[in-house]
């Protein structure tokens, strides 16, 4: 039950990050360029927070090992968010690595 709750939180977090990225590209016409984990202090998190697109960067409920959110945008034209789920409880998603794009 706890793993399912963490997975539900992860899905909500990814939607929150995607909403922030949508606000950001609307205002700046590019996504933040960055490749790495979203820690709250990384370049992408700082760009989103400083632009008032997001008040605070969500972090994975476990925030260790594979269970961290990563973001990649090489040129600002698109992005990939990667995250891991512990269970198959989210419809259409499998346990393990998942990703979200615009």
Protein backbone atom coordinates (compact mmCIF):
# COMPACT_ATOMS: atom_id res chain seq x y z
CA UNK A 1 0.00 0.00 0.00
CA UNK A 2 2.85 2.40 0.78
CA UNK A 3 4.57 1.69 -2.54
CA UNK A 4 1.29 2.38 -4.37
CA UNK A 5 0.91 5.66 -2.49
CA UNK A 6 4.48 6.65 -3.40
CA UNK A 7 3.76 5.82 -7.05
CA UNK A 8 0.64 8.01 -6.98
CA UNK A 9 2.78 10.83 -5.55
CA UNK A 10 5.35 10.32 -8.31
CA UNK A 11 2.69 10.59 -11.00
CA UNK A 12 1.37 13.82 -9.44
CA UNK A 13 4.90 15.20 -9.12
CA UNK A 14 5.63 14.53 -12.80
CA UNK A 15 2.41 16.33 -13.78
CA UNK A 16 3.40 19.27 -11.56
CA UNK A 17 6.83 19.45 -13.19
CA UNK A 18 5.29 19.20 -16.66
CA UNK A 19 2.88 22.03 -15.85
CA UNK A 20 5.82 24.17 -14.72
CA UNK A 21 7.68 23.37 -17.93
CA UNK A 22 4.62 24.37 -19.96
CA UNK A 23 4.51 27.73 -18.17
CA UNK A 24 8.23 28.17 -18.70
CA UNK A 25 8.18 27.50 -22.46
CA UNK A 26 5.16 29.78 -22.84
CA UNK A 27 7.12 32.64 -21.29
CA UNK A 28 10.62 31.95 -22.66
CA UNK A 29 9.96 29.91 -25.84
CA UNK A 30 12.48 27.24 -24.78
CA UNK A 31 12.73 24.66 -22.03
CA UNK A 32 15.59 24.94 -19.53
CA UNK A 33 18.69 23.24 -20.93
CA UNK A 34 19.96 20.68 -18.43
CA UNK A 35 20.81 17.00 -18.12
CA UNK A 36 20.68 15.43 -14.67
CA UNK A 37 18.67 14.88 -11.52
CA UNK A 38 16.12 17.43 -10.33
CA UNK A 39 17.36 18.24 -6.84
CA UNK A 40 15.83 21.65 -6.27
CA UNK A 41 19.26 23.26 -6.57
CA UNK A 42 20.14 22.16 -10.11
CA UNK A 43 20.04 24.53 -13.11
CA UNK A 44 16.60 23.43 -14.37
CA UNK A 45 15.00 23.62 -10.91
CA UNK A 46 16.49 27.07 -10.30
CA UNK A 47 15.30 28.32 -13.71
CA UNK A 48 11.75 27.07 -13.06
CA UNK A 49 11.66 28.52 -9.53
CA UNK A 50 13.17 31.87 -10.54
CA UNK A 51 10.61 32.25 -13.33
CA UNK A 52 7.77 31.57 -10.86
CA UNK A 53 6.78 28.50 -12.88
CA UNK A 54 7.00 26.34 -9.75
CA UNK A 55 7.34 27.31 -6.08
CA UNK A 56 9.41 24.25 -5.12
CA UNK A 57 10.76 21.32 -7.11
CA UNK A 58 9.14 18.05 -6.03
CA UNK A 59 11.45 15.22 -5.09
CA UNK A 60 10.78 11.50 -5.30
CA UNK A 61 9.30 10.16 -2.04
CA UNK A 62 12.32 7.85 -1.60
CA UNK A 63 14.86 10.17 -3.26
CA UNK A 64 17.64 7.58 -3.47
CA UNK A 65 19.09 5.14 -5.97
CA UNK A 66 16.92 4.97 -9.09
CA UNK A 67 14.10 6.71 -7.25
CA UNK A 68 14.94 10.26 -8.27
CA UNK A 69 13.53 12.46 -11.01
CA UNK A 70 15.82 13.19 -13.92
CA UNK A 71 15.39 15.76 -16.66
CA UNK A 72 17.08 16.10 -20.02
CA UNK A 73 16.80 18.92 -22.54
CA UNK A 74 19.81 19.25 -24.81
CA UNK A 75 18.71 22.30 -26.81
CA UNK A 76 15.53 23.57 -25.14
CA UNK A 77 13.21 22.38 -27.91
CA UNK A 78 11.93 19.30 -26.06
CA UNK A 79 12.57 17.41 -22.84
CA UNK A 80 12.44 13.99 -21.23
CA UNK A 81 11.52 13.43 -17.58
CA UNK A 82 12.50 10.03 -16.23
CA UNK A 83 11.22 8.43 -13.05
CA UNK A 84 10.81 4.97 -11.56
CA UNK A 85 7.63 3.34 -10.27
CA UNK A 86 7.69 0.61 -7.64
CA UNK A 87 4.46 -1.12 -8.67
CA UNK A 88 2.23 -1.60 -11.69
CA UNK A 89 -0.65 0.15 -9.92
CA UNK A 90 -0.77 3.18 -12.27
CA UNK A 91 -2.97 2.38 -15.29
CA UNK A 92 -0.91 2.15 -18.45
CA UNK A 93 2.41 2.26 -16.58
CA UNK A 94 4.72 -0.57 -15.59
CA UNK A 95 6.94 -0.87 -12.54
CA UNK A 96 10.44 0.39 -13.28
CA UNK A 97 11.61 3.18 -15.56
CA UNK A 98 8.98 5.49 -17.02
CA UNK A 99 9.32 8.74 -18.90
CA UNK A 100 7.28 11.79 -19.78
CA UNK A 101 7.70 14.17 -22.68
CA UNK A 102 5.82 17.30 -23.79
